[in-house]
Amino acid sequence: MKYIVDTQATASYMDKYNQPCDCIYCRNYQKAFASYYPEVIKRLKDFGIQVERPLEIIDCFWNSTRDKRRYESYYSVKGNLMEDKLELYKENAIITLYRSDTNEPVYGNTGMEKPYFILAITNIELPWVLSELPNE
């Protein structure tokens, strides 16, 4: 077993340090993510994660054709991870699990008490779905 998850504690956790961001980029992510990444959403729910409450959404940049935004998002999971930097899923996005004491540069600003680990989703590309456009 590579990890143990307390799905009930994860599902009931509301991070007190990270309120949901209401910027235009995060709103685009929140509106589009579930529609374009249903398999990732299924995996998040298997961990008990509230998809709409990430620790952080990082808007990176437009992709090379400027038709999609690149994102990363991070969630805290109550439980134990035995192996740091465990790649769990790698298809249209990448899900990687990081121990709370990892040396990797991941977002880990959470008030969750140990034991916990960080679930990172990278390589996310989402189209712009909001009627409002960013000022760039």
N, C-alpha and C. Protein backbone atom coordinates (compact mmCIF):
# COMPACT_ATOMS: atom_id res chain seq x y z
N MET A 1 0.85 -1.19 0.00
CA MET A 1 0.00 0.00 0.00
C MET A 1 0.89 1.24 0.00
N LYS A 2 0.64 2.15 -0.94
CA LYS A 2 1.48 3.33 -1.07
C LYS A 2 0.94 4.55 -0.32
N TYR A 3 -0.35 4.51 0.03
CA TYR A 3 -0.94 5.59 0.81
C TYR A 3 -2.19 5.10 1.52
N ILE A 4 -2.52 5.80 2.60
CA ILE A 4 -3.74 5.55 3.37
C ILE A 4 -4.47 6.89 3.46
N VAL A 5 -5.76 6.88 3.13
CA VAL A 5 -6.53 8.11 3.10
C VAL A 5 -7.71 8.03 4.06
N ASP A 6 -7.91 9.09 4.81
CA ASP A 6 -9.11 9.25 5.63
C ASP A 6 -10.06 10.11 4.80
N THR A 7 -10.91 9.46 4.00
CA THR A 7 -11.78 10.21 3.08
C THR A 7 -12.78 11.10 3.82
N GLN A 8 -13.25 10.65 4.97
CA GLN A 8 -14.22 11.46 5.71
C GLN A 8 -13.57 12.74 6.24
N ALA A 9 -12.38 12.64 6.81
CA ALA A 9 -11.68 13.83 7.31
C ALA A 9 -11.29 14.76 6.16
N THR A 10 -10.89 14.18 5.03
CA THR A 10 -10.55 14.99 3.86
C THR A 10 -11.78 15.73 3.36
N ALA A 11 -12.90 15.03 3.25
CA ALA A 11 -14.13 15.63 2.72
C ALA A 11 -14.67 16.73 3.62
N SER A 12 -14.49 16.60 4.92
CA SER A 12 -15.05 17.59 5.84
C SER A 12 -14.10 18.76 6.10
N TYR A 13 -12.90 18.69 5.58
CA TYR A 13 -11.91 19.72 5.86
C TYR A 13 -12.12 20.97 5.01
N MET A 14 -12.19 22.10 5.65
CA MET A 14 -12.24 23.41 4.98
C MET A 14 -11.02 24.18 5.44
N ASP A 15 -10.10 24.42 4.53
CA ASP A 15 -8.86 25.08 4.91
C ASP A 15 -9.14 26.51 5.35
N LYS A 16 -8.69 26.84 6.55
CA LYS A 16 -8.94 28.18 7.10
C LYS A 16 -7.96 29.22 6.59
N TYR A 17 -6.88 28.77 5.96
CA TYR A 17 -5.87 29.71 5.49
C TYR A 17 -6.07 30.12 4.04
N ASN A 18 -6.84 29.36 3.30
CA ASN A 18 -6.97 29.59 1.87
C ASN A 18 -8.44 29.71 1.47
N GLN A 19 -8.91 30.93 1.41
CA GLN A 19 -10.27 31.17 0.93
C GLN A 19 -10.27 31.06 -0.59
N PRO A 20 -11.38 30.57 -1.17
CA PRO A 20 -11.43 30.45 -2.63
C PRO A 20 -11.18 31.81 -3.31
N CYS A 21 -10.35 31.80 -4.30
CA CYS A 21 -10.02 33.02 -5.04
C CYS A 21 -11.15 33.32 -6.02
N ASP A 22 -11.44 34.58 -6.19
CA ASP A 22 -12.51 34.99 -7.10
C ASP A 22 -11.97 35.74 -8.32
N CYS A 23 -10.68 35.59 -8.60
CA CYS A 23 -10.13 36.28 -9.78
C CYS A 23 -10.69 35.62 -11.05
N ILE A 24 -10.59 36.30 -12.15
CA ILE A 24 -11.16 35.81 -13.41
C ILE A 24 -10.54 34.48 -13.85
N TYR A 25 -9.26 34.28 -13.60
CA TYR A 25 -8.58 33.03 -13.99
C TYR A 25 -9.09 31.85 -13.17
N CYS A 26 -9.24 32.05 -11.87
CA CYS A 26 -9.74 30.97 -11.01
C CYS A 26 -11.21 30.67 -11.30
N ARG A 27 -11.99 31.70 -11.60
CA ARG A 27 -13.39 31.46 -11.97
C ARG A 27 -13.48 30.64 -13.26
N ASN A 28 -12.59 30.91 -14.21
CA ASN A 28 -12.56 30.13 -15.44
C ASN A 28 -12.24 28.67 -15.14
N TYR A 29 -11.24 28.45 -14.29
CA TYR A 29 -10.87 27.10 -13.87
C TYR A 29 -12.06 26.39 -13.24
N GLN A 30 -12.69 27.05 -12.27
CA GLN A 30 -13.80 26.44 -11.54
C GLN A 30 -14.96 26.08 -12.48
N LYS A 31 -15.21 26.93 -13.46
CA LYS A 31 -16.32 26.69 -14.38
C LYS A 31 -16.00 25.58 -15.38
N ALA A 32 -14.77 25.44 -15.82
CA ALA A 32 -14.42 24.53 -16.90
C ALA A 32 -13.85 23.18 -16.45
N PHE A 33 -13.20 23.14 -15.31
CA PHE A 33 -12.39 21.97 -14.93
C PHE A 33 -13.17 20.65 -14.96
N ALA A 34 -14.30 20.57 -14.29
CA ALA A 34 -15.04 19.31 -14.20
C ALA A 34 -15.50 18.81 -15.56
N SER A 35 -15.87 19.72 -16.44
CA SER A 35 -16.35 19.31 -17.77
C SER A 35 -15.24 18.72 -18.63
N TYR A 36 -14.03 19.25 -18.50
CA TYR A 36 -12.93 18.83 -19.36
C TYR A 36 -12.06 17.74 -18.76
N TYR A 37 -12.19 17.49 -17.46
CA TYR A 37 -11.37 16.48 -16.79
C TYR A 37 -12.21 15.56 -15.89
N PRO A 38 -13.22 14.89 -16.44
CA PRO A 38 -14.08 14.04 -15.59
C PRO A 38 -13.34 12.88 -14.92
N GLU A 39 -12.34 12.32 -15.56
CA GLU A 39 -11.59 11.22 -14.95
C GLU A 39 -10.76 11.72 -13.75
N VAL A 40 -10.22 12.92 -13.85
CA VAL A 40 -9.49 13.51 -12.73
C VAL A 40 -10.45 13.79 -11.58
N ILE A 41 -11.63 14.32 -11.88
CA ILE A 41 -12.64 14.59 -10.86
C ILE A 41 -13.00 13.29 -10.12
N LYS A 42 -13.17 12.21 -10.86
CA LYS A 42 -13.47 10.91 -10.25
C LYS A 42 -12.37 10.51 -9.27
N ARG A 43 -11.14 10.69 -9.65
CA ARG A 43 -10.02 10.32 -8.77
C ARG A 43 -9.98 11.22 -7.53
N LEU A 44 -10.27 12.51 -7.69
CA LEU A 44 -10.30 13.41 -6.53
C LEU A 44 -11.39 12.97 -5.56
N LYS A 45 -12.54 12.63 -6.08
CA LYS A 45 -13.63 12.18 -5.21
C LYS A 45 -13.28 10.89 -4.49
N ASP A 46 -12.48 10.03 -5.11
CA ASP A 46 -12.03 8.80 -4.44
C ASP A 46 -11.21 9.11 -3.19
N PHE A 47 -10.58 10.27 -3.15
CA PHE A 47 -9.80 10.71 -1.99
C PHE A 47 -10.66 11.46 -0.98
N GLY A 48 -11.92 11.76 -1.34
CA GLY A 48 -12.79 12.54 -0.47
C GLY A 48 -12.61 14.03 -0.66
N ILE A 49 -11.93 14.44 -1.70
CA ILE A 49 -11.61 15.85 -1.94
C ILE A 49 -12.83 16.62 -2.42
N GLN A 50 -13.03 17.79 -1.84
CA GLN A 50 -14.03 18.73 -2.33
C GLN A 50 -13.39 19.48 -3.49
N VAL A 51 -13.78 19.15 -4.69
CA VAL A 51 -13.15 19.67 -5.90
C VAL A 51 -13.18 21.19 -5.95
N GLU A 52 -14.25 21.79 -5.44
CA GLU A 52 -14.40 23.24 -5.50
C GLU A 52 -13.61 23.98 -4.43
N ARG A 53 -12.86 23.26 -3.60
CA ARG A 53 -12.09 23.88 -2.52
C ARG A 53 -10.60 23.51 -2.56
N PRO A 54 -9.90 23.86 -3.64
CA PRO A 54 -8.46 23.57 -3.67
C PRO A 54 -7.71 24.46 -2.69
N LEU A 55 -6.52 24.02 -2.29
CA LEU A 55 -5.63 24.90 -1.52
C LEU A 55 -5.25 26.09 -2.38
N GLU A 56 -4.95 25.79 -3.64
CA GLU A 56 -4.49 26.83 -4.56
C GLU A 56 -4.76 26.42 -6.00
N ILE A 57 -5.13 27.39 -6.80
CA ILE A 57 -5.20 27.25 -8.25
C ILE A 57 -4.15 28.22 -8.79
N ILE A 58 -3.26 27.71 -9.60
CA ILE A 58 -2.24 28.58 -10.18
C ILE A 58 -2.49 28.68 -11.68
N ASP A 59 -2.79 29.87 -12.12
CA ASP A 59 -2.93 30.15 -13.54
C ASP A 59 -1.53 30.43 -14.07
N CYS A 60 -1.09 29.63 -15.01
CA CYS A 60 0.30 29.74 -15.47
C CYS A 60 0.43 30.66 -16.69
N PHE A 61 -0.22 30.32 -17.78
CA PHE A 61 -0.06 31.09 -19.02
C PHE A 61 -0.95 30.50 -20.10
N TRP A 62 -1.04 31.18 -21.24
CA TRP A 62 -1.72 30.62 -22.40
C TRP A 62 -0.84 29.52 -22.99
N ASN A 63 -1.45 28.51 -23.59
CA ASN A 63 -0.66 27.49 -24.27
C ASN A 63 -0.06 28.08 -25.54
N SER A 64 0.68 27.30 -26.29
CA SER A 64 1.40 27.83 -27.46
C SER A 64 0.48 28.32 -28.56
N THR A 65 -0.73 27.78 -28.64
CA THR A 65 -1.67 28.24 -29.67
C THR A 65 -2.63 29.31 -29.14
N ARG A 66 -2.48 29.67 -27.87
CA ARG A 66 -3.28 30.70 -27.20
C ARG A 66 -4.78 30.44 -27.24
N ASP A 67 -5.15 29.16 -27.25
CA ASP A 67 -6.57 28.84 -27.20
C ASP A 67 -6.98 28.21 -25.86
N LYS A 68 -5.99 27.92 -25.00
CA LYS A 68 -6.27 27.36 -23.68
C LYS A 68 -5.29 27.93 -22.66
N ARG A 69 -5.78 28.02 -21.41
CA ARG A 69 -4.93 28.45 -20.30
C ARG A 69 -4.35 27.22 -19.63
N ARG A 70 -3.08 27.33 -19.20
CA ARG A 70 -2.41 26.27 -18.44
C ARG A 70 -2.61 26.56 -16.96
N TYR A 71 -2.94 25.52 -16.20
CA TYR A 71 -3.17 25.64 -14.77
C TYR A 71 -2.47 24.53 -14.01
N GLU A 72 -2.32 24.76 -12.70
CA GLU A 72 -1.98 23.74 -11.72
C GLU A 72 -2.93 23.94 -10.55
N SER A 73 -3.27 22.87 -9.85
CA SER A 73 -4.08 23.02 -8.64
C SER A 73 -3.58 22.04 -7.58
N TYR A 74 -3.82 22.41 -6.32
CA TYR A 74 -3.29 21.66 -5.19
C TYR A 74 -4.38 21.45 -4.14
N TYR A 75 -4.39 20.25 -3.55
CA TYR A 75 -5.35 19.87 -2.53
C TYR A 75 -4.61 19.18 -1.39
N SER A 76 -5.13 19.33 -0.16
CA SER A 76 -4.56 18.57 0.95
C SER A 76 -5.45 17.35 1.22
N VAL A 77 -4.80 16.24 1.54
CA VAL A 77 -5.49 14.97 1.77
C VAL A 77 -5.08 14.46 3.15
N LYS A 78 -6.06 14.14 3.96
CA LYS A 78 -5.79 13.59 5.29
C LYS A 78 -5.39 12.13 5.15
N GLY A 79 -4.19 11.81 5.61
CA GLY A 79 -3.73 10.43 5.54
C GLY A 79 -2.22 10.35 5.48
N ASN A 80 -1.72 9.17 5.19
CA ASN A 80 -0.28 8.92 5.13
C ASN A 80 0.12 8.52 3.72
N LEU A 81 1.22 9.10 3.27
CA LEU A 81 1.82 8.76 1.98
C LEU A 81 3.17 8.14 2.27
N MET A 82 3.36 6.92 1.81
CA MET A 82 4.60 6.21 2.11
C MET A 82 5.75 6.59 1.18
N GLU A 83 5.43 6.98 -0.05
CA GLU A 83 6.45 7.27 -1.06
C GLU A 83 6.23 8.68 -1.60
N ASP A 84 7.21 9.55 -1.44
CA ASP A 84 7.09 10.93 -1.93
C ASP A 84 7.12 10.96 -3.46
N LYS A 85 6.40 11.93 -4.00
CA LYS A 85 6.35 12.17 -5.44
C LYS A 85 5.80 10.96 -6.19
N LEU A 86 4.67 10.48 -5.72
CA LEU A 86 4.02 9.32 -6.30
C LEU A 86 3.09 9.78 -7.43
N GLU A 87 3.44 9.41 -8.64
CA GLU A 87 2.61 9.78 -9.80
C GLU A 87 1.45 8.80 -9.88
N LEU A 88 0.24 9.33 -9.73
CA LEU A 88 -0.95 8.51 -9.62
C LEU A 88 -1.71 8.40 -10.94
N TYR A 89 -1.61 9.42 -11.75
CA TYR A 89 -2.40 9.48 -12.99
C TYR A 89 -1.62 10.33 -13.99
N LYS A 90 -1.56 9.86 -15.23
CA LYS A 90 -0.83 10.63 -16.24
C LYS A 90 -1.47 10.37 -17.60
N GLU A 91 -2.47 11.15 -17.88
CA GLU A 91 -3.11 11.06 -19.19
C GLU A 91 -3.21 12.49 -19.74
N ASN A 92 -4.39 13.09 -19.67
CA ASN A 92 -4.53 14.46 -20.16
C ASN A 92 -4.12 15.49 -19.10
N ALA A 93 -3.90 15.07 -17.91
CA ALA A 93 -3.34 15.88 -16.82
C ALA A 93 -2.51 14.91 -15.98
N ILE A 94 -1.75 15.46 -15.03
CA ILE A 94 -0.91 14.60 -14.18
C ILE A 94 -1.30 14.84 -12.72
N ILE A 95 -1.58 13.75 -12.01
CA ILE A 95 -1.83 13.82 -10.57
C ILE A 95 -0.62 13.22 -9.87
N THR A 96 0.00 14.01 -9.00
CA THR A 96 1.16 13.55 -8.24
C THR A 96 0.89 13.79 -6.76
N LEU A 97 1.25 12.83 -5.94
CA LEU A 97 1.11 12.94 -4.49
C LEU A 97 2.46 13.26 -3.87
N TYR A 98 2.45 14.22 -2.94
CA TYR A 98 3.68 14.65 -2.26
C TYR A 98 3.50 14.56 -0.75
N ARG A 99 4.49 14.03 -0.09
CA ARG A 99 4.48 14.00 1.37
C ARG A 99 4.48 15.44 1.91
N SER A 100 3.97 15.62 3.10
CA SER A 100 3.92 16.97 3.69
C SER A 100 5.32 17.53 3.93
N ASP A 101 6.32 16.65 4.04
CA ASP A 101 7.71 17.09 4.26
C ASP A 101 8.56 17.03 2.98
N THR A 102 7.92 17.05 1.83
CA THR A 102 8.64 16.95 0.57
C THR A 102 9.62 18.11 0.37
N ASN A 103 10.65 17.85 -0.39
CA ASN A 103 11.59 18.91 -0.78
C ASN A 103 11.24 19.49 -2.15
N GLU A 104 10.22 18.94 -2.78
CA GLU A 104 9.81 19.42 -4.09
C GLU A 104 9.10 20.77 -3.96
N PRO A 105 9.18 21.61 -4.99
CA PRO A 105 8.53 22.93 -4.93
C PRO A 105 7.03 22.85 -5.24
N VAL A 106 6.25 22.41 -4.25
CA VAL A 106 4.81 22.32 -4.40
C VAL A 106 4.13 23.25 -3.41
N TYR A 107 2.91 23.64 -3.74
CA TYR A 107 2.14 24.50 -2.83
C TYR A 107 1.67 23.65 -1.65
N GLY A 108 2.03 24.06 -0.47
CA GLY A 108 1.68 23.28 0.71
C GLY A 108 1.17 24.10 1.87
N ASN A 109 0.67 25.31 1.61
CA ASN A 109 0.19 26.18 2.68
C ASN A 109 -1.18 25.71 3.13
N THR A 110 -1.20 24.83 4.10
CA THR A 110 -2.46 24.30 4.61
C THR A 110 -2.44 24.32 6.13
N GLY A 111 -3.62 24.43 6.69
CA GLY A 111 -3.76 24.35 8.14
C GLY A 111 -4.09 22.94 8.60
N MET A 112 -4.14 21.99 7.66
CA MET A 112 -4.46 20.61 8.02
C MET A 112 -3.36 20.06 8.91
N GLU A 113 -3.77 19.41 9.99
CA GLU A 113 -2.80 18.82 10.90
C GLU A 113 -2.30 17.49 10.35
N LYS A 114 -1.04 17.19 10.64
CA LYS A 114 -0.46 15.92 10.20
C LYS A 114 -1.17 14.76 10.89
N PRO A 115 -1.30 13.64 10.22
CA PRO A 115 -0.69 13.30 8.94
C PRO A 115 -1.56 13.77 7.77
N TYR A 116 -0.91 14.32 6.76
CA TYR A 116 -1.58 14.70 5.52
C TYR A 116 -0.55 14.67 4.40
N PHE A 117 -1.04 14.74 3.18
CA PHE A 117 -0.15 14.89 2.04
C PHE A 117 -0.83 15.80 1.01
N ILE A 118 -0.07 16.23 0.03
CA ILE A 118 -0.54 17.17 -0.99
C ILE A 118 -0.77 16.42 -2.29
N LEU A 119 -1.91 16.68 -2.89
CA LEU A 119 -2.23 16.15 -4.21
C LEU A 119 -2.12 17.31 -5.19
N ALA A 120 -1.25 17.18 -6.16
CA ALA A 120 -1.03 18.22 -7.17
C ALA A 120 -1.55 17.74 -8.52
N ILE A 121 -2.25 18.62 -9.21
CA ILE A 121 -2.69 18.34 -10.57
C ILE A 121 -1.98 19.33 -11.47
N THR A 122 -1.21 18.83 -12.41
CA THR A 122 -0.45 19.68 -13.33
C THR A 122 -0.81 19.33 -14.77
N ASN A 123 -0.30 20.14 -15.68
CA ASN A 123 -0.54 19.96 -17.12
C ASN A 123 -2.01 20.12 -17.49
N ILE A 124 -2.73 20.91 -16.74
CA ILE A 124 -4.13 21.19 -17.04
C ILE A 124 -4.19 22.25 -18.12
N GLU A 125 -4.96 22.01 -19.16
CA GLU A 125 -5.21 23.01 -20.20
C GLU A 125 -6.72 23.17 -20.34
N LEU A 126 -7.21 24.39 -20.12
CA LEU A 126 -8.64 24.66 -20.19
C LEU A 126 -8.93 25.78 -21.17
N PRO A 127 -10.00 25.62 -21.96
CA PRO A 127 -10.39 26.73 -22.82
C PRO A 127 -10.97 27.86 -21.98
N TRP A 128 -11.00 29.03 -22.55
CA TRP A 128 -11.62 30.16 -21.85
C TRP A 128 -13.12 30.03 -22.03
N VAL A 129 -13.86 29.84 -20.94
CA VAL A 129 -15.31 29.61 -21.01
C VAL A 129 -16.14 30.78 -20.49
N LEU A 130 -15.50 31.74 -19.87
CA LEU A 130 -16.23 32.90 -19.36
C LEU A 130 -16.50 33.89 -20.48
N SER A 131 -17.61 34.61 -20.37
CA SER A 131 -17.90 35.64 -21.38
C SER A 131 -16.95 36.83 -21.20
N GLU A 132 -16.55 37.08 -19.97
CA GLU A 132 -15.60 38.14 -19.65
C GLU A 132 -14.19 37.68 -20.00
N LEU A 133 -13.43 38.53 -20.68
CA LEU A 133 -12.06 38.18 -21.04
C LEU A 133 -11.06 38.84 -20.10
N PRO A 134 -9.92 38.20 -19.88
CA PRO A 134 -8.90 38.81 -19.01
C PRO A 134 -8.28 40.01 -19.69
N ASN A 135 -7.85 40.97 -18.88
CA ASN A 135 -7.13 42.15 -19.41
C ASN A 135 -5.67 41.80 -19.52
N GLU A 136 -5.23 41.49 -20.72
CA GLU A 136 -3.82 41.15 -20.93
C GLU A 136 -3.25 41.97 -22.06
